[in-house]
PDB file of N, CA and C in Angstrom:
ATOM      1  N   UNK A   1       4.324 -21.701  13.073  1.00  0.00           N
ATOM      2  CA  UNK A   1       3.924 -20.306  13.124  1.00  0.00           C
ATOM      3  C   UNK A   1       5.147 -19.386  13.069  1.00  0.00           C
ATOM      4  N   UNK A   2       6.210 -19.764  13.726  1.00  0.00           N
ATOM      5  CA  UNK A   2       7.416 -18.945  13.728  1.00  0.00           C
ATOM      6  C   UNK A   2       8.013 -18.849  12.333  1.00  0.00           C
ATOM      7  N   UNK A   3       7.979 -19.954  11.572  1.00  0.00           N
ATOM      8  CA  UNK A   3       8.511 -19.937  10.213  1.00  0.00           C
ATOM      9  C   UNK A   3       7.724 -18.968   9.338  1.00  0.00           C
ATOM     10  N   UNK A   4       6.402 -18.961   9.507  1.00  0.00           N
ATOM     11  CA  UNK A   4       5.551 -18.072   8.725  1.00  0.00           C
ATOM     12  C   UNK A   4       5.871 -16.611   9.038  1.00  0.00           C
ATOM     13  N   UNK A   5       6.063 -16.315  10.303  1.00  0.00           N
ATOM     14  CA  UNK A   5       6.386 -14.936  10.695  1.00  0.00           C
ATOM     15  C   UNK A   5       7.750 -14.529  10.134  1.00  0.00           C
ATOM     16  N   UNK A   6       8.707 -15.432  10.184  1.00  0.00           N
ATOM     17  CA  UNK A   6      10.036 -15.144   9.641  1.00  0.00           C
ATOM     18  C   UNK A   6       9.939 -14.901   8.139  1.00  0.00           C
ATOM     19  N   UNK A   7       9.151 -15.723   7.465  1.00  0.00           N
ATOM     20  CA  UNK A   7       8.959 -15.565   6.019  1.00  0.00           C
ATOM     21  C   UNK A   7       8.295 -14.225   5.708  1.00  0.00           C
ATOM     22  N   UNK A   8       7.312 -13.845   6.505  1.00  0.00           N
ATOM     23  CA  UNK A   8       6.642 -12.561   6.310  1.00  0.00           C
ATOM     24  C   UNK A   8       7.616 -11.399   6.494  1.00  0.00           C
ATOM     25  N   UNK A   9       8.468 -11.496   7.505  1.00  0.00           N
ATOM     26  CA  UNK A   9       9.450 -10.439   7.749  1.00  0.00           C
ATOM     27  C   UNK A   9      10.463 -10.352   6.610  1.00  0.00           C
ATOM     28  N   UNK A  10      10.871 -11.497   6.086  1.00  0.00           N
ATOM     29  CA  UNK A  10      11.803 -11.510   4.959  1.00  0.00           C
ATOM     30  C   UNK A  10      11.160 -10.896   3.719  1.00  0.00           C
ATOM     31  N   UNK A  11       9.885 -11.215   3.483  1.00  0.00           N
ATOM     32  CA  UNK A  11       9.165 -10.629   2.348  1.00  0.00           C
ATOM     33  C   UNK A  11       9.011  -9.120   2.515  1.00  0.00           C
ATOM     34  N   UNK A  12       8.705  -8.694   3.727  1.00  0.00           N
ATOM     35  CA  UNK A  12       8.576  -7.268   4.000  1.00  0.00           C
ATOM     36  C   UNK A  12       9.903  -6.551   3.760  1.00  0.00           C
ATOM     37  N   UNK A  13      10.995  -7.167   4.177  1.00  0.00           N
ATOM     38  CA  UNK A  13      12.321  -6.589   3.956  1.00  0.00           C
ATOM     39  C   UNK A  13      12.614  -6.447   2.464  1.00  0.00           C
ATOM     40  N   UNK A  14      12.277  -7.474   1.685  1.00  0.00           N
ATOM     41  CA  UNK A  14      12.497  -7.424   0.236  1.00  0.00           C
ATOM     42  C   UNK A  14      11.670  -6.312  -0.399  1.00  0.00           C
ATOM     43  N   UNK A  15      10.405  -6.211   0.003  1.00  0.00           N
ATOM     44  CA  UNK A  15       9.532  -5.172  -0.543  1.00  0.00           C
ATOM     45  C   UNK A  15      10.033  -3.781  -0.165  1.00  0.00           C
ATOM     46  N   UNK A  16      10.488  -3.637   1.064  1.00  0.00           N
ATOM     47  CA  UNK A  16      11.008  -2.352   1.517  1.00  0.00           C
ATOM     48  C   UNK A  16      12.236  -1.956   0.708  1.00  0.00           C
ATOM     49  N   UNK A  17      13.145  -2.894   0.506  1.00  0.00           N
ATOM     50  CA  UNK A  17      14.346  -2.614  -0.283  1.00  0.00           C
ATOM     51  C   UNK A  17      13.983  -2.264  -1.723  1.00  0.00           C
ATOM     52  N   UNK A  18      12.980  -2.952  -2.271  1.00  0.00           N
ATOM     53  CA  UNK A  18      12.530  -2.681  -3.634  1.00  0.00           C
ATOM     54  C   UNK A  18      11.986  -1.254  -3.756  1.00  0.00           C
ATOM     55  N   UNK A  19      11.320  -0.777  -2.717  1.00  0.00           N
ATOM     56  CA  UNK A  19      10.679   0.544  -2.737  1.00  0.00           C
ATOM     57  C   UNK A  19      11.559   1.650  -2.166  1.00  0.00           C
ATOM     58  N   UNK A  20      12.775   1.335  -1.791  1.00  0.00           N
ATOM     59  CA  UNK A  20      13.617   2.281  -1.073  1.00  0.00           C
ATOM     60  C   UNK A  20      13.848   3.588  -1.831  1.00  0.00           C
ATOM     61  N   UNK A  21      14.077   3.527  -3.131  1.00  0.00           N
ATOM     62  CA  UNK A  21      14.339   4.755  -3.893  1.00  0.00           C
ATOM     63  C   UNK A  21      13.123   5.676  -3.901  1.00  0.00           C
ATOM     64  N   UNK A  22      11.948   5.104  -4.117  1.00  0.00           N
ATOM     65  CA  UNK A  22      10.748   5.948  -4.136  1.00  0.00           C
ATOM     66  C   UNK A  22      10.451   6.489  -2.745  1.00  0.00           C
ATOM     67  N   UNK A  23      10.710   5.698  -1.714  1.00  0.00           N
ATOM     68  CA  UNK A  23      10.504   6.185  -0.353  1.00  0.00           C
ATOM     69  C   UNK A  23      11.440   7.347  -0.049  1.00  0.00           C
ATOM     70  N   UNK A  24      12.664   7.272  -0.522  1.00  0.00           N
ATOM     71  CA  UNK A  24      13.601   8.389  -0.346  1.00  0.00           C
ATOM     72  C   UNK A  24      13.130   9.611  -1.123  1.00  0.00           C
ATOM     73  N   UNK A  25      12.601   9.393  -2.311  1.00  0.00           N
ATOM     74  CA  UNK A  25      12.151  10.504  -3.156  1.00  0.00           C
ATOM     75  C   UNK A  25      10.984  11.251  -2.533  1.00  0.00           C
ATOM     76  N   UNK A  26      10.089  10.533  -1.867  1.00  0.00           N
ATOM     77  CA  UNK A  26       8.929  11.195  -1.262  1.00  0.00           C
ATOM     78  C   UNK A  26       9.095  11.376   0.239  1.00  0.00           C
ATOM     79  N   UNK A  27      10.307  11.189   0.726  1.00  0.00           N
ATOM     80  CA  UNK A  27      10.564  11.294   2.158  1.00  0.00           C
ATOM     81  C   UNK A  27      10.343  12.688   2.720  1.00  0.00           C
ATOM     82  N   UNK A  28      10.511  13.697   1.935  1.00  0.00           N
ATOM     83  CA  UNK A  28      10.336  15.069   2.373  1.00  0.00           C
ATOM     84  C   UNK A  28       8.846  15.345   2.585  1.00  0.00           C
ATOM     85  N   UNK A  29       8.492  15.954   3.706  1.00  0.00           N
ATOM     86  CA  UNK A  29       7.083  16.214   4.019  1.00  0.00           C
ATOM     87  C   UNK A  29       6.414  17.107   2.981  1.00  0.00           C
ATOM     88  N   UNK A  30       7.145  18.075   2.458  1.00  0.00           N
ATOM     89  CA  UNK A  30       6.573  18.963   1.446  1.00  0.00           C
ATOM     90  C   UNK A  30       6.231  18.182   0.189  1.00  0.00           C
ATOM     91  N   UNK A  31       7.121  17.297  -0.241  1.00  0.00           N
ATOM     92  CA  UNK A  31       6.844  16.473  -1.425  1.00  0.00           C
ATOM     93  C   UNK A  31       5.645  15.573  -1.179  1.00  0.00           C
ATOM     94  N   UNK A  32       5.568  14.991   0.024  1.00  0.00           N
ATOM     95  CA  UNK A  32       4.433  14.133   0.353  1.00  0.00           C
ATOM     96  C   UNK A  32       3.136  14.927   0.268  1.00  0.00           C
ATOM     97  N   UNK A  33       3.140  16.126   0.805  1.00  0.00           N
ATOM     98  CA  UNK A  33       1.944  16.969   0.781  1.00  0.00           C
ATOM     99  C   UNK A  33       1.535  17.297  -0.655  1.00  0.00           C
ATOM    100  N   UNK A  34       2.516  17.650  -1.478  1.00  0.00           N
ATOM    101  CA  UNK A  34       2.221  17.952  -2.882  1.00  0.00           C
ATOM    102  C   UNK A  34       1.670  16.731  -3.614  1.00  0.00           C
ATOM    103  N   UNK A  35       2.242  15.555  -3.361  1.00  0.00           N
ATOM    104  CA  UNK A  35       1.743  14.335  -3.994  1.00  0.00           C
ATOM    105  C   UNK A  35       0.311  14.041  -3.575  1.00  0.00           C
ATOM    106  N   UNK A  36       0.008  14.228  -2.300  1.00  0.00           N
ATOM    107  CA  UNK A  36      -1.355  13.992  -1.814  1.00  0.00           C
ATOM    108  C   UNK A  36      -2.331  14.951  -2.486  1.00  0.00           C
ATOM    109  N   UNK A  37      -1.947  16.210  -2.602  1.00  0.00           N
ATOM    110  CA  UNK A  37      -2.807  17.194  -3.273  1.00  0.00           C
ATOM    111  C   UNK A  37      -3.044  16.787  -4.723  1.00  0.00           C
ATOM    112  N   UNK A  38      -1.990  16.394  -5.418  1.00  0.00           N
ATOM    113  CA  UNK A  38      -2.142  15.996  -6.822  1.00  0.00           C
ATOM    114  C   UNK A  38      -3.013  14.752  -6.959  1.00  0.00           C
ATOM    115  N   UNK A  39      -2.846  13.788  -6.050  1.00  0.00           N
ATOM    116  CA  UNK A  39      -3.623  12.549  -6.141  1.00  0.00           C
ATOM    117  C   UNK A  39      -5.090  12.773  -5.825  1.00  0.00           C
ATOM    118  N   UNK A  40      -5.384  13.703  -4.926  1.00  0.00           N
ATOM    119  CA  UNK A  40      -6.775  13.918  -4.525  1.00  0.00           C
ATOM    120  C   UNK A  40      -7.485  14.978  -5.347  1.00  0.00           C
ATOM    121  N   UNK A  41      -6.748  15.694  -6.194  1.00  0.00           N
ATOM    122  CA  UNK A  41      -7.367  16.772  -6.969  1.00  0.00           C
ATOM    123  C   UNK A  41      -8.245  16.256  -8.102  1.00  0.00           C
ATOM    124  N   UNK A  42      -8.008  15.022  -8.537  1.00  0.00           N
ATOM    125  CA  UNK A  42      -8.788  14.470  -9.629  1.00  0.00           C
ATOM    126  C   UNK A  42      -8.228  14.810 -10.990  1.00  0.00           C
ATOM    127  N   UNK A  43      -7.230  15.646 -11.037  1.00  0.00           N
ATOM    128  CA  UNK A  43      -6.592  16.013 -12.301  1.00  0.00           C
ATOM    129  C   UNK A  43      -5.396  15.105 -12.528  1.00  0.00           C
ATOM    130  N   UNK A  44      -5.458  14.301 -13.557  1.00  0.00           N
ATOM    131  CA  UNK A  44      -4.370  13.364 -13.844  1.00  0.00           C
ATOM    132  C   UNK A  44      -3.803  13.577 -15.240  1.00  0.00           C
ATOM    133  N   UNK A  45      -3.946  14.780 -15.751  1.00  0.00           N
ATOM    134  CA  UNK A  45      -3.506  15.029 -17.123  1.00  0.00           C
ATOM    135  C   UNK A  45      -2.002  15.185 -17.238  1.00  0.00           C
ATOM    136  N   UNK A  46      -1.315  15.430 -16.135  1.00  0.00           N
ATOM    137  CA  UNK A  46       0.133  15.573 -16.173  1.00  0.00           C
ATOM    138  C   UNK A  46       0.549  16.939 -16.676  1.00  0.00           C
ATOM    139  N   UNK A  47       1.828  17.081 -16.879  1.00  0.00           N
ATOM    140  CA  UNK A  47       2.390  18.345 -17.339  1.00  0.00           C
ATOM    141  C   UNK A  47       2.320  18.427 -18.853  1.00  0.00           C
ATOM    142  N   UNK A  48       2.113  19.622 -19.354  1.00  0.00           N
ATOM    143  CA  UNK A  48       2.071  19.829 -20.798  1.00  0.00           C
ATOM    144  C   UNK A  48       3.414  20.326 -21.314  1.00  0.00           C
ATOM    145  N   UNK A  49       4.431  20.316 -20.455  1.00  0.00           N
ATOM    146  CA  UNK A  49       5.731  20.859 -20.842  1.00  0.00           C
ATOM    147  C   UNK A  49       6.433  20.012 -21.893  1.00  0.00           C
ATOM    148  N   UNK A  50       6.029  18.759 -22.052  1.00  0.00           N
ATOM    149  CA  UNK A  50       6.649  17.889 -23.053  1.00  0.00           C
ATOM    150  C   UNK A  50       6.070  18.137 -24.439  1.00  0.00           C
ATOM    151  N   UNK A  51       4.981  18.880 -24.517  1.00  0.00           N
ATOM    152  CA  UNK A  51       4.383  19.202 -25.803  1.00  0.00           C
ATOM    153  C   UNK A  51       3.528  18.095 -26.380  1.00  0.00           C
ATOM    154  N   UNK A  52       3.051  17.187 -25.556  1.00  0.00           N
ATOM    155  CA  UNK A  52       2.210  16.088 -26.041  1.00  0.00           C
ATOM    156  C   UNK A  52       0.768  16.488 -26.062  1.00  0.00           C
TER     157      UNK A  52
END
């Protein structure tokens, strides 16, 4: 059981390190709030500033 827990912690550490940049990017509460609003609004068309 101890080996399994150690393995789980090691996997969690790897996943955390993998996600570290995105976690830093959304670390600001204002950014988190804006992301939540965008995700829950139902509008997923993105920005039209690229001219696509």
